[in-house]
N, C-alpha and C. Protein backbone atom coordinates (compact mmCIF):
# COMPACT_ATOMS: atom_id res chain seq x y z
N MET A 1 -15.99 13.58 -2.16
CA MET A 1 -14.70 13.03 -1.76
C MET A 1 -14.80 11.53 -1.64
N THR A 2 -13.69 10.86 -1.83
CA THR A 2 -13.65 9.40 -1.70
C THR A 2 -13.60 9.02 -0.23
N ILE A 3 -14.49 8.13 0.19
CA ILE A 3 -14.49 7.63 1.56
C ILE A 3 -13.47 6.49 1.64
N ARG A 4 -12.49 6.64 2.48
CA ARG A 4 -11.45 5.62 2.61
C ARG A 4 -11.98 4.43 3.39
N ILE A 5 -11.56 3.25 2.99
CA ILE A 5 -12.05 2.01 3.61
C ILE A 5 -10.89 1.30 4.29
N LYS A 6 -11.07 1.04 5.58
CA LYS A 6 -10.04 0.34 6.37
C LYS A 6 -10.60 -1.01 6.81
N ILE A 7 -9.90 -2.07 6.43
CA ILE A 7 -10.23 -3.42 6.87
C ILE A 7 -9.28 -3.75 8.02
N CYS A 8 -9.81 -3.84 9.22
CA CYS A 8 -8.97 -3.97 10.40
C CYS A 8 -8.94 -5.42 10.90
N GLY A 9 -7.95 -5.70 11.73
CA GLY A 9 -7.83 -7.02 12.31
C GLY A 9 -7.40 -8.09 11.32
N ILE A 10 -6.53 -7.73 10.39
CA ILE A 10 -6.01 -8.72 9.42
C ILE A 10 -5.10 -9.69 10.16
N THR A 11 -5.33 -10.97 9.97
CA THR A 11 -4.54 -11.99 10.68
C THR A 11 -3.82 -12.96 9.75
N HIS A 12 -3.94 -12.76 8.43
CA HIS A 12 -3.33 -13.70 7.47
C HIS A 12 -2.93 -12.92 6.22
N PRO A 13 -1.78 -13.25 5.61
CA PRO A 13 -1.37 -12.54 4.40
C PRO A 13 -2.41 -12.56 3.29
N ALA A 14 -3.08 -13.69 3.12
CA ALA A 14 -4.08 -13.79 2.05
C ALA A 14 -5.24 -12.83 2.29
N ASP A 15 -5.56 -12.57 3.55
CA ASP A 15 -6.65 -11.64 3.86
C ASP A 15 -6.25 -10.21 3.53
N ALA A 16 -4.97 -9.89 3.71
CA ALA A 16 -4.49 -8.57 3.32
C ALA A 16 -4.57 -8.40 1.81
N VAL A 17 -4.19 -9.43 1.08
CA VAL A 17 -4.21 -9.36 -0.38
C VAL A 17 -5.64 -9.23 -0.90
N LEU A 18 -6.56 -10.03 -0.34
CA LEU A 18 -7.95 -9.96 -0.82
C LEU A 18 -8.56 -8.60 -0.48
N SER A 19 -8.16 -8.00 0.62
CA SER A 19 -8.66 -6.66 0.96
C SER A 19 -8.16 -5.63 -0.03
N ALA A 20 -6.87 -5.73 -0.39
CA ALA A 20 -6.32 -4.82 -1.39
C ALA A 20 -6.98 -5.04 -2.75
N ASP A 21 -7.16 -6.30 -3.12
CA ASP A 21 -7.80 -6.61 -4.40
C ASP A 21 -9.22 -6.07 -4.47
N ALA A 22 -9.91 -6.07 -3.33
CA ALA A 22 -11.30 -5.61 -3.30
C ALA A 22 -11.41 -4.09 -3.37
N GLY A 23 -10.29 -3.39 -3.13
CA GLY A 23 -10.31 -1.94 -3.21
C GLY A 23 -10.20 -1.21 -1.89
N ALA A 24 -9.81 -1.92 -0.83
CA ALA A 24 -9.61 -1.25 0.46
C ALA A 24 -8.44 -0.28 0.35
N ASP A 25 -8.47 0.75 1.18
CA ASP A 25 -7.42 1.77 1.19
C ASP A 25 -6.41 1.55 2.31
N LEU A 26 -6.87 0.97 3.40
CA LEU A 26 -6.01 0.72 4.56
C LEU A 26 -6.33 -0.65 5.14
N ILE A 27 -5.33 -1.27 5.77
CA ILE A 27 -5.56 -2.48 6.56
C ILE A 27 -5.00 -2.25 7.96
N GLY A 28 -5.61 -2.89 8.94
CA GLY A 28 -5.17 -2.76 10.32
C GLY A 28 -4.51 -4.03 10.81
N LEU A 29 -3.31 -3.87 11.39
CA LEU A 29 -2.57 -4.98 11.99
C LEU A 29 -2.54 -4.74 13.49
N ASN A 30 -3.02 -5.72 14.25
CA ASN A 30 -3.28 -5.53 15.67
C ASN A 30 -2.09 -5.98 16.51
N PHE A 31 -1.62 -5.07 17.38
CA PHE A 31 -0.52 -5.38 18.30
C PHE A 31 -0.94 -5.16 19.75
N VAL A 32 -2.22 -5.36 20.03
CA VAL A 32 -2.74 -5.28 21.40
C VAL A 32 -2.68 -6.68 22.00
N PRO A 33 -1.84 -6.92 23.02
CA PRO A 33 -1.61 -8.28 23.51
C PRO A 33 -2.87 -9.04 23.90
N GLU A 34 -3.86 -8.35 24.49
CA GLU A 34 -5.06 -9.05 24.94
C GLU A 34 -6.10 -9.26 23.85
N SER A 35 -5.83 -8.75 22.65
CA SER A 35 -6.79 -8.91 21.56
C SER A 35 -6.67 -10.29 20.91
N PRO A 36 -7.81 -10.88 20.51
CA PRO A 36 -7.74 -12.17 19.80
C PRO A 36 -7.12 -12.04 18.42
N ARG A 37 -6.98 -10.81 17.92
CA ARG A 37 -6.37 -10.60 16.60
C ARG A 37 -4.91 -10.14 16.70
N ASN A 38 -4.35 -10.21 17.91
CA ASN A 38 -2.96 -9.80 18.12
C ASN A 38 -2.02 -10.64 17.26
N LEU A 39 -1.04 -9.96 16.63
CA LEU A 39 -0.14 -10.63 15.69
C LEU A 39 1.25 -10.83 16.26
N GLU A 40 1.82 -11.99 15.98
CA GLU A 40 3.24 -12.22 16.22
C GLU A 40 4.02 -11.42 15.18
N LEU A 41 5.17 -10.91 15.55
CA LEU A 41 5.87 -9.95 14.69
C LEU A 41 6.27 -10.53 13.35
N GLY A 42 6.68 -11.77 13.31
CA GLY A 42 7.07 -12.37 12.04
C GLY A 42 5.91 -12.44 11.06
N LEU A 43 4.74 -12.84 11.57
CA LEU A 43 3.55 -12.90 10.73
C LEU A 43 3.13 -11.50 10.29
N ALA A 44 3.19 -10.53 11.20
CA ALA A 44 2.84 -9.16 10.86
C ALA A 44 3.75 -8.62 9.77
N ALA A 45 5.04 -8.93 9.86
CA ALA A 45 5.98 -8.47 8.84
C ALA A 45 5.65 -9.07 7.48
N GLU A 46 5.26 -10.34 7.47
CA GLU A 46 4.89 -11.01 6.22
C GLU A 46 3.64 -10.38 5.62
N ILE A 47 2.64 -10.12 6.46
CA ILE A 47 1.41 -9.48 5.98
C ILE A 47 1.72 -8.12 5.39
N ALA A 48 2.52 -7.32 6.10
CA ALA A 48 2.84 -5.98 5.63
C ALA A 48 3.58 -6.02 4.30
N GLN A 49 4.47 -6.99 4.15
CA GLN A 49 5.24 -7.09 2.91
C GLN A 49 4.37 -7.47 1.73
N GLN A 50 3.37 -8.29 1.98
CA GLN A 50 2.50 -8.78 0.90
C GLN A 50 1.75 -7.66 0.19
N VAL A 51 1.45 -6.59 0.90
CA VAL A 51 0.64 -5.51 0.31
C VAL A 51 1.37 -4.18 0.30
N ALA A 52 2.69 -4.22 0.37
CA ALA A 52 3.48 -2.99 0.35
C ALA A 52 3.18 -2.20 -0.93
N GLY A 53 2.88 -0.93 -0.75
CA GLY A 53 2.60 -0.06 -1.89
C GLY A 53 1.19 -0.15 -2.43
N ARG A 54 0.37 -1.04 -1.90
CA ARG A 54 -1.00 -1.21 -2.39
C ARG A 54 -2.03 -0.60 -1.45
N VAL A 55 -1.79 -0.72 -0.16
CA VAL A 55 -2.68 -0.15 0.84
C VAL A 55 -1.82 0.46 1.96
N GLU A 56 -2.42 1.35 2.73
CA GLU A 56 -1.74 1.84 3.94
C GLU A 56 -1.83 0.76 5.00
N ARG A 57 -0.69 0.50 5.64
CA ARG A 57 -0.63 -0.52 6.69
C ARG A 57 -0.60 0.18 8.04
N VAL A 58 -1.65 -0.06 8.82
CA VAL A 58 -1.85 0.66 10.08
C VAL A 58 -1.61 -0.29 11.25
N GLY A 59 -0.71 0.09 12.13
CA GLY A 59 -0.46 -0.69 13.34
C GLY A 59 -1.34 -0.22 14.47
N VAL A 60 -2.10 -1.13 15.07
CA VAL A 60 -3.06 -0.79 16.12
C VAL A 60 -2.46 -1.12 17.49
N PHE A 61 -2.41 -0.11 18.36
CA PHE A 61 -1.85 -0.26 19.71
C PHE A 61 -2.84 0.29 20.73
N ARG A 62 -2.74 -0.22 21.97
CA ARG A 62 -3.56 0.33 23.06
C ARG A 62 -2.70 0.49 24.31
N ASN A 63 -2.50 1.73 24.71
CA ASN A 63 -1.73 2.05 25.92
C ASN A 63 -0.36 1.38 25.91
N ALA A 64 0.28 1.34 24.76
CA ALA A 64 1.58 0.67 24.63
C ALA A 64 2.71 1.61 25.02
N GLU A 65 3.76 1.04 25.60
CA GLU A 65 4.96 1.82 25.88
C GLU A 65 5.66 2.13 24.56
N ILE A 66 6.34 3.27 24.52
CA ILE A 66 7.02 3.67 23.29
C ILE A 66 8.06 2.63 22.88
N GLU A 67 8.66 1.96 23.87
CA GLU A 67 9.65 0.92 23.54
C GLU A 67 9.00 -0.25 22.81
N ASP A 68 7.78 -0.58 23.18
CA ASP A 68 7.07 -1.68 22.51
C ASP A 68 6.69 -1.29 21.08
N ILE A 69 6.30 -0.04 20.90
CA ILE A 69 5.98 0.44 19.55
C ILE A 69 7.22 0.42 18.67
N GLU A 70 8.32 0.89 19.21
CA GLU A 70 9.58 0.90 18.45
C GLU A 70 10.04 -0.51 18.11
N ARG A 71 9.81 -1.45 19.01
CA ARG A 71 10.18 -2.85 18.73
C ARG A 71 9.39 -3.39 17.54
N VAL A 72 8.10 -3.06 17.47
CA VAL A 72 7.29 -3.48 16.33
C VAL A 72 7.80 -2.83 15.05
N LEU A 73 8.08 -1.53 15.13
CA LEU A 73 8.48 -0.79 13.92
C LEU A 73 9.83 -1.25 13.38
N ARG A 74 10.67 -1.82 14.24
CA ARG A 74 11.94 -2.36 13.75
C ARG A 74 11.73 -3.60 12.89
N ARG A 75 10.63 -4.30 13.09
CA ARG A 75 10.37 -5.55 12.38
C ARG A 75 9.33 -5.43 11.29
N VAL A 76 8.38 -4.51 11.46
CA VAL A 76 7.20 -4.46 10.58
C VAL A 76 7.14 -3.09 9.91
N ASP A 77 7.03 -3.09 8.58
CA ASP A 77 6.89 -1.84 7.83
C ASP A 77 5.44 -1.34 7.94
N LEU A 78 5.26 -0.24 8.65
CA LEU A 78 3.94 0.35 8.82
C LEU A 78 3.93 1.77 8.26
N ASP A 79 2.76 2.18 7.78
CA ASP A 79 2.61 3.52 7.22
C ASP A 79 1.94 4.49 8.18
N ARG A 80 1.23 3.94 9.16
CA ARG A 80 0.45 4.78 10.08
C ARG A 80 0.22 3.99 11.36
N LEU A 81 0.02 4.69 12.47
CA LEU A 81 -0.30 4.04 13.74
C LEU A 81 -1.69 4.44 14.19
N GLN A 82 -2.34 3.52 14.89
CA GLN A 82 -3.66 3.80 15.48
C GLN A 82 -3.57 3.51 16.96
N PHE A 83 -3.96 4.52 17.76
CA PHE A 83 -3.94 4.37 19.21
C PHE A 83 -5.35 4.19 19.71
N HIS A 84 -5.56 3.11 20.45
CA HIS A 84 -6.92 2.69 20.82
C HIS A 84 -7.13 2.70 22.33
N GLY A 85 -6.31 3.49 23.05
CA GLY A 85 -6.45 3.50 24.50
C GLY A 85 -6.65 4.90 25.05
N GLU A 86 -6.00 5.16 26.17
CA GLU A 86 -6.11 6.46 26.83
C GLU A 86 -4.85 7.30 26.59
N GLU A 87 -4.28 7.18 25.41
CA GLU A 87 -3.05 7.91 25.11
C GLU A 87 -3.29 9.42 25.16
N THR A 88 -2.29 10.15 25.66
CA THR A 88 -2.39 11.60 25.74
C THR A 88 -2.00 12.23 24.40
N GLU A 89 -2.30 13.52 24.26
CA GLU A 89 -1.89 14.24 23.05
C GLU A 89 -0.38 14.17 22.87
N GLU A 90 0.35 14.27 23.99
CA GLU A 90 1.81 14.22 23.91
C GLU A 90 2.29 12.85 23.41
N GLU A 91 1.65 11.78 23.86
CA GLU A 91 2.04 10.45 23.42
C GLU A 91 1.70 10.24 21.94
N VAL A 92 0.59 10.79 21.52
CA VAL A 92 0.20 10.68 20.11
C VAL A 92 1.20 11.42 19.23
N GLU A 93 1.64 12.58 19.69
CA GLU A 93 2.55 13.40 18.89
C GLU A 93 4.00 12.93 18.98
N ALA A 94 4.29 11.98 19.87
CA ALA A 94 5.67 11.54 20.08
C ALA A 94 6.17 10.61 18.98
N VAL A 95 5.27 10.08 18.16
CA VAL A 95 5.69 9.14 17.11
C VAL A 95 5.85 9.90 15.79
N ASP A 96 6.70 9.37 14.93
CA ASP A 96 7.02 10.05 13.67
C ASP A 96 6.02 9.75 12.56
N LEU A 97 5.25 8.68 12.70
CA LEU A 97 4.30 8.31 11.66
C LEU A 97 2.96 9.02 11.86
N PRO A 98 2.16 9.17 10.79
CA PRO A 98 0.80 9.70 10.96
C PRO A 98 0.00 8.81 11.90
N VAL A 99 -0.96 9.42 12.60
CA VAL A 99 -1.68 8.72 13.66
C VAL A 99 -3.19 8.82 13.46
N ILE A 100 -3.88 7.72 13.80
CA ILE A 100 -5.32 7.69 13.98
C ILE A 100 -5.56 7.51 15.47
N LYS A 101 -6.42 8.32 16.08
CA LYS A 101 -6.72 8.17 17.50
C LYS A 101 -8.16 7.73 17.68
N SER A 102 -8.36 6.60 18.33
CA SER A 102 -9.70 6.09 18.58
C SER A 102 -10.35 6.85 19.73
N ILE A 103 -11.63 7.18 19.54
CA ILE A 103 -12.44 7.88 20.54
C ILE A 103 -13.71 7.07 20.77
N ARG A 104 -14.19 7.07 21.99
CA ARG A 104 -15.46 6.38 22.28
C ARG A 104 -16.62 7.29 21.91
N GLY A 105 -17.32 6.91 20.84
CA GLY A 105 -18.48 7.68 20.42
C GLY A 105 -18.12 9.02 19.83
N ALA A 106 -19.12 9.86 19.64
CA ALA A 106 -18.92 11.18 19.01
C ALA A 106 -18.70 12.23 20.10
N ASP A 107 -17.58 12.09 20.79
CA ASP A 107 -17.27 12.95 21.94
C ASP A 107 -16.42 14.13 21.47
N LEU A 108 -17.07 15.28 21.26
CA LEU A 108 -16.37 16.45 20.73
C LEU A 108 -15.26 16.90 21.66
N GLU A 109 -15.49 16.85 22.95
CA GLU A 109 -14.46 17.27 23.91
C GLU A 109 -13.22 16.38 23.80
N ALA A 110 -13.45 15.07 23.65
CA ALA A 110 -12.32 14.15 23.51
C ALA A 110 -11.59 14.37 22.19
N VAL A 111 -12.35 14.60 21.13
CA VAL A 111 -11.74 14.84 19.82
C VAL A 111 -10.85 16.07 19.85
N ASP A 112 -11.30 17.12 20.55
CA ASP A 112 -10.55 18.37 20.60
C ASP A 112 -9.22 18.23 21.35
N GLN A 113 -9.03 17.13 22.05
CA GLN A 113 -7.75 16.89 22.74
C GLN A 113 -6.65 16.49 21.76
N TYR A 114 -7.05 16.14 20.53
CA TYR A 114 -6.07 15.65 19.55
C TYR A 114 -6.19 16.46 18.26
N PRO A 115 -5.85 17.75 18.31
CA PRO A 115 -6.01 18.60 17.13
C PRO A 115 -5.15 18.12 15.97
N GLY A 116 -5.75 18.13 14.78
CA GLY A 116 -5.01 17.75 13.59
C GLY A 116 -4.85 16.25 13.39
N THR A 117 -5.43 15.46 14.29
CA THR A 117 -5.32 14.00 14.20
C THR A 117 -6.60 13.40 13.66
N ILE A 118 -6.49 12.43 12.79
CA ILE A 118 -7.67 11.68 12.34
C ILE A 118 -8.22 10.91 13.52
N VAL A 119 -9.52 11.00 13.74
CA VAL A 119 -10.13 10.30 14.88
C VAL A 119 -11.05 9.19 14.38
N LEU A 120 -10.94 8.05 15.03
CA LEU A 120 -11.80 6.91 14.74
C LEU A 120 -12.85 6.84 15.83
N LEU A 121 -14.11 6.95 15.44
CA LEU A 121 -15.21 6.95 16.40
C LEU A 121 -15.75 5.54 16.54
N ASP A 122 -15.47 4.94 17.70
CA ASP A 122 -15.91 3.57 17.95
C ASP A 122 -17.07 3.57 18.93
N HIS A 123 -17.49 2.40 19.35
CA HIS A 123 -18.66 2.27 20.21
C HIS A 123 -18.47 3.09 21.50
N PRO A 124 -19.48 3.85 21.91
CA PRO A 124 -19.35 4.71 23.11
C PRO A 124 -19.02 3.94 24.38
N ASP A 125 -19.41 2.67 24.45
CA ASP A 125 -19.17 1.87 25.65
C ASP A 125 -17.85 1.10 25.60
N GLY A 126 -16.99 1.45 24.65
CA GLY A 126 -15.71 0.78 24.58
C GLY A 126 -15.78 -0.59 23.96
N GLY A 127 -16.75 -0.79 23.06
CA GLY A 127 -16.93 -2.09 22.44
C GLY A 127 -16.11 -2.31 21.19
N GLY A 128 -14.97 -1.62 21.06
CA GLY A 128 -14.16 -1.74 19.86
C GLY A 128 -13.76 -3.16 19.55
N GLY A 129 -13.95 -3.57 18.30
CA GLY A 129 -13.56 -4.91 17.89
C GLY A 129 -14.60 -5.97 18.16
N THR A 130 -15.72 -5.59 18.76
CA THR A 130 -16.74 -6.59 19.10
C THR A 130 -17.90 -6.59 18.12
N GLY A 131 -17.92 -5.63 17.19
CA GLY A 131 -18.99 -5.59 16.20
C GLY A 131 -20.30 -5.07 16.73
N LYS A 132 -20.27 -4.26 17.78
CA LYS A 132 -21.50 -3.73 18.36
C LYS A 132 -21.88 -2.42 17.68
N PRO A 133 -23.06 -2.35 17.04
CA PRO A 133 -23.49 -1.09 16.42
C PRO A 133 -23.80 -0.03 17.47
N TRP A 134 -23.80 1.23 17.03
CA TRP A 134 -24.21 2.34 17.87
C TRP A 134 -24.86 3.39 16.96
N SER A 135 -25.23 4.51 17.55
CA SER A 135 -25.93 5.55 16.77
C SER A 135 -24.91 6.36 15.99
N TRP A 136 -24.53 5.87 14.80
CA TRP A 136 -23.46 6.51 14.03
C TRP A 136 -23.83 7.95 13.63
N SER A 137 -25.11 8.24 13.50
CA SER A 137 -25.52 9.59 13.11
C SER A 137 -25.12 10.63 14.15
N ASP A 138 -24.78 10.20 15.37
CA ASP A 138 -24.32 11.13 16.40
C ASP A 138 -23.04 11.84 15.96
N ALA A 139 -22.33 11.25 14.99
CA ALA A 139 -21.06 11.82 14.53
C ALA A 139 -21.26 12.92 13.49
N ALA A 140 -22.49 13.19 13.08
CA ALA A 140 -22.74 14.14 12.00
C ALA A 140 -22.15 15.51 12.29
N GLU A 141 -22.29 15.99 13.52
CA GLU A 141 -21.79 17.33 13.86
C GLU A 141 -20.27 17.41 13.71
N LEU A 142 -19.58 16.33 14.12
CA LEU A 142 -18.12 16.32 14.00
C LEU A 142 -17.69 16.37 12.54
N VAL A 143 -18.38 15.58 11.71
CA VAL A 143 -18.03 15.56 10.28
C VAL A 143 -18.33 16.92 9.64
N GLU A 144 -19.49 17.47 9.95
CA GLU A 144 -19.89 18.76 9.38
C GLU A 144 -18.93 19.87 9.79
N SER A 145 -18.35 19.76 10.98
CA SER A 145 -17.46 20.82 11.48
C SER A 145 -16.05 20.70 10.93
N GLY A 146 -15.82 19.69 10.07
CA GLY A 146 -14.54 19.60 9.39
C GLY A 146 -13.54 18.66 9.99
N HIS A 147 -13.89 17.93 11.03
CA HIS A 147 -12.97 16.96 11.61
C HIS A 147 -12.81 15.76 10.67
N ASP A 148 -11.60 15.23 10.61
CA ASP A 148 -11.34 14.01 9.85
C ASP A 148 -11.75 12.81 10.69
N VAL A 149 -12.85 12.19 10.31
CA VAL A 149 -13.48 11.15 11.12
C VAL A 149 -13.51 9.82 10.37
N ILE A 150 -13.13 8.75 11.08
CA ILE A 150 -13.34 7.39 10.58
C ILE A 150 -14.48 6.79 11.38
N LEU A 151 -15.53 6.37 10.70
CA LEU A 151 -16.68 5.78 11.36
C LEU A 151 -16.41 4.30 11.58
N ALA A 152 -16.65 3.81 12.80
CA ALA A 152 -16.37 2.41 13.14
C ALA A 152 -17.40 1.91 14.15
N GLY A 153 -17.30 0.63 14.47
CA GLY A 153 -18.16 0.05 15.49
C GLY A 153 -19.41 -0.58 14.93
N GLY A 154 -19.36 -1.87 14.66
CA GLY A 154 -20.55 -2.60 14.23
C GLY A 154 -20.94 -2.44 12.79
N LEU A 155 -20.07 -1.86 11.98
CA LEU A 155 -20.40 -1.72 10.55
C LEU A 155 -20.29 -3.07 9.84
N SER A 156 -21.10 -3.23 8.80
CA SER A 156 -21.13 -4.47 8.04
C SER A 156 -21.57 -4.15 6.61
N PRO A 157 -21.48 -5.12 5.69
CA PRO A 157 -21.97 -4.87 4.33
C PRO A 157 -23.45 -4.50 4.31
N GLU A 158 -24.21 -4.99 5.29
CA GLU A 158 -25.65 -4.77 5.30
C GLU A 158 -26.04 -3.39 5.82
N ASN A 159 -25.21 -2.78 6.69
CA ASN A 159 -25.66 -1.52 7.31
C ASN A 159 -24.80 -0.30 6.99
N VAL A 160 -23.67 -0.48 6.31
CA VAL A 160 -22.75 0.65 6.15
C VAL A 160 -23.36 1.75 5.27
N ALA A 161 -24.12 1.37 4.23
CA ALA A 161 -24.72 2.39 3.37
C ALA A 161 -25.72 3.24 4.16
N GLN A 162 -26.53 2.60 5.00
CA GLN A 162 -27.49 3.34 5.81
C GLN A 162 -26.78 4.22 6.83
N ALA A 163 -25.69 3.71 7.41
CA ALA A 163 -24.92 4.50 8.37
C ALA A 163 -24.38 5.77 7.72
N LEU A 164 -23.88 5.64 6.50
CA LEU A 164 -23.36 6.81 5.79
C LEU A 164 -24.47 7.78 5.41
N GLU A 165 -25.62 7.24 5.03
CA GLU A 165 -26.75 8.11 4.70
C GLU A 165 -27.21 8.88 5.93
N ASP A 166 -27.26 8.19 7.08
CA ASP A 166 -27.68 8.84 8.33
C ASP A 166 -26.68 9.92 8.74
N LEU A 167 -25.42 9.72 8.39
CA LEU A 167 -24.38 10.66 8.77
C LEU A 167 -24.50 11.97 7.99
N GLY A 168 -24.93 11.88 6.74
CA GLY A 168 -25.04 13.08 5.91
C GLY A 168 -23.78 13.31 5.13
N ASP A 169 -22.94 14.24 5.57
CA ASP A 169 -21.67 14.50 4.90
C ASP A 169 -20.76 13.27 5.01
N PRO A 170 -19.97 13.00 3.96
CA PRO A 170 -19.11 11.82 4.00
C PRO A 170 -17.97 11.97 5.00
N PRO A 171 -17.67 10.92 5.76
CA PRO A 171 -16.53 10.97 6.68
C PRO A 171 -15.22 10.75 5.93
N TRP A 172 -14.11 10.93 6.62
CA TRP A 172 -12.79 10.65 6.04
C TRP A 172 -12.72 9.18 5.64
N GLY A 173 -13.30 8.31 6.50
CA GLY A 173 -13.23 6.88 6.19
C GLY A 173 -14.18 6.06 7.04
N VAL A 174 -14.22 4.77 6.75
CA VAL A 174 -14.97 3.80 7.54
C VAL A 174 -14.05 2.64 7.89
N ASP A 175 -14.35 1.98 8.99
CA ASP A 175 -13.50 0.90 9.49
C ASP A 175 -14.37 -0.30 9.82
N VAL A 176 -13.92 -1.49 9.40
CA VAL A 176 -14.66 -2.71 9.69
C VAL A 176 -13.69 -3.82 10.04
N ALA A 177 -14.08 -4.67 10.98
CA ALA A 177 -13.29 -5.86 11.33
C ALA A 177 -14.21 -7.08 11.35
N SER A 178 -14.93 -7.25 12.46
CA SER A 178 -15.76 -8.45 12.59
C SER A 178 -16.89 -8.49 11.57
N GLY A 179 -17.30 -7.34 11.06
CA GLY A 179 -18.40 -7.30 10.10
C GLY A 179 -18.11 -7.96 8.77
N VAL A 180 -16.83 -8.23 8.49
CA VAL A 180 -16.48 -8.90 7.23
C VAL A 180 -15.72 -10.21 7.49
N GLU A 181 -15.94 -10.78 8.68
CA GLU A 181 -15.23 -12.01 9.04
C GLU A 181 -16.10 -13.25 8.91
N GLY A 182 -15.42 -14.36 8.65
CA GLY A 182 -16.05 -15.67 8.69
C GLY A 182 -15.54 -16.43 9.89
N ALA A 183 -15.12 -17.67 9.66
CA ALA A 183 -14.63 -18.50 10.75
C ALA A 183 -13.21 -18.10 11.15
N ASP A 184 -12.87 -18.32 12.41
CA ASP A 184 -11.51 -18.12 12.91
C ASP A 184 -10.98 -16.71 12.66
N ARG A 185 -11.88 -15.74 12.65
CA ARG A 185 -11.52 -14.32 12.44
C ARG A 185 -10.79 -14.08 11.12
N ARG A 186 -10.97 -14.98 10.16
CA ARG A 186 -10.46 -14.76 8.81
C ARG A 186 -11.45 -13.88 8.04
N LYS A 187 -10.92 -13.03 7.17
CA LYS A 187 -11.80 -12.18 6.39
C LYS A 187 -12.48 -13.00 5.29
N ASP A 188 -13.78 -12.77 5.14
CA ASP A 188 -14.57 -13.46 4.14
C ASP A 188 -14.51 -12.66 2.84
N PRO A 189 -13.97 -13.23 1.75
CA PRO A 189 -13.79 -12.46 0.50
C PRO A 189 -15.08 -11.82 0.01
N ALA A 190 -16.19 -12.56 0.07
CA ALA A 190 -17.46 -12.02 -0.42
C ALA A 190 -17.91 -10.84 0.44
N LYS A 191 -17.76 -10.95 1.76
CA LYS A 191 -18.19 -9.88 2.65
C LYS A 191 -17.32 -8.63 2.46
N VAL A 192 -16.01 -8.84 2.28
CA VAL A 192 -15.13 -7.69 2.06
C VAL A 192 -15.52 -6.98 0.77
N GLU A 193 -15.75 -7.75 -0.29
CA GLU A 193 -16.13 -7.16 -1.57
C GLU A 193 -17.46 -6.43 -1.46
N GLN A 194 -18.42 -7.03 -0.77
CA GLN A 194 -19.73 -6.39 -0.60
C GLN A 194 -19.63 -5.11 0.21
N PHE A 195 -18.77 -5.12 1.23
CA PHE A 195 -18.59 -3.92 2.06
C PHE A 195 -18.01 -2.79 1.22
N VAL A 196 -16.97 -3.09 0.46
CA VAL A 196 -16.34 -2.06 -0.37
C VAL A 196 -17.34 -1.52 -1.39
N LYS A 197 -18.09 -2.39 -2.04
CA LYS A 197 -19.07 -1.95 -3.02
C LYS A 197 -20.14 -1.07 -2.38
N ALA A 198 -20.58 -1.43 -1.19
CA ALA A 198 -21.62 -0.64 -0.51
C ALA A 198 -21.11 0.75 -0.18
N VAL A 199 -19.85 0.84 0.28
CA VAL A 199 -19.29 2.15 0.61
C VAL A 199 -19.11 2.98 -0.66
N ARG A 200 -18.57 2.37 -1.71
CA ARG A 200 -18.34 3.12 -2.95
C ARG A 200 -19.67 3.61 -3.54
N SER A 201 -20.70 2.76 -3.49
CA SER A 201 -22.02 3.15 -4.00
C SER A 201 -22.59 4.31 -3.19
N ALA A 202 -22.47 4.23 -1.87
CA ALA A 202 -22.98 5.31 -1.01
C ALA A 202 -22.21 6.60 -1.25
N GLY A 203 -20.89 6.47 -1.45
CA GLY A 203 -20.06 7.64 -1.69
C GLY A 203 -20.39 8.32 -3.01
N SER A 204 -20.71 7.53 -4.02
CA SER A 204 -21.03 8.13 -5.33
C SER A 204 -22.37 8.85 -5.28
N ARG A 205 -23.29 8.36 -4.44
CA ARG A 205 -24.58 9.06 -4.30
C ARG A 205 -24.42 10.36 -3.55
N GLY A 206 -23.40 10.38 -2.61
CA GLY A 206 -23.20 11.60 -1.84
C GLY A 206 -22.55 12.68 -2.67
C-alpha cells in the first residue's frame, strides 16, 4: 500500500506548493492559537487555494470550540480536520469532515476511544510539533491489528526510512513538520524532497 505523506505546519503558500510538487499527499494548516505555526485566516485561505485539488488540506485544532472551528471553515477550504487535544469521541464525530485524532504514543486504550478514526501517534510526552523522536516501533501492534495509523513525532529525512523498517507493516501515513524546516519555520525544499523520496523508497521495499 502507498504510505501517505503529510507535511504539517505549512505557513506560506510557496511551502504548500513545493510540498505538493514533491509528492506529498496532505498538508497541515495550524489553527492552534498558542502554536508558533498558527495561521491568520486570510493567509490560511490563500494557502488552501494554492493547492486546491492537489493535496488534502488538513486543519489542525486543539481543544477548540465548535464555533471556532466553524469560523475557520467559513473562510478556509479544508478537506479534513485534525484534533490534537483531549477531544471526546462525541466532539470528533460532531464535525462533518473526515477526522484525524492525535494520540500520545502507541496507546491502544486511547485509540479504541475513537473507532473508525485515523489516529496520529505523536510523542508520548506530548511533544507534538517539537521534533522529539520516540520509539516508533511501539506502534507496530496497532498497525498490525488493522488500525489506520499516521506515524509522527521527530521524523526527518534521515530517520523516516529506519522508523518505517522498525515498524514492520506500513502505516496509513507519516507526518513531519520541524524535520523538514529551515529558518523561520519555512519548509526547506531539499528536505521535503528528501523526506518524500525516503518514504517512497521504504514503501516500495515493503
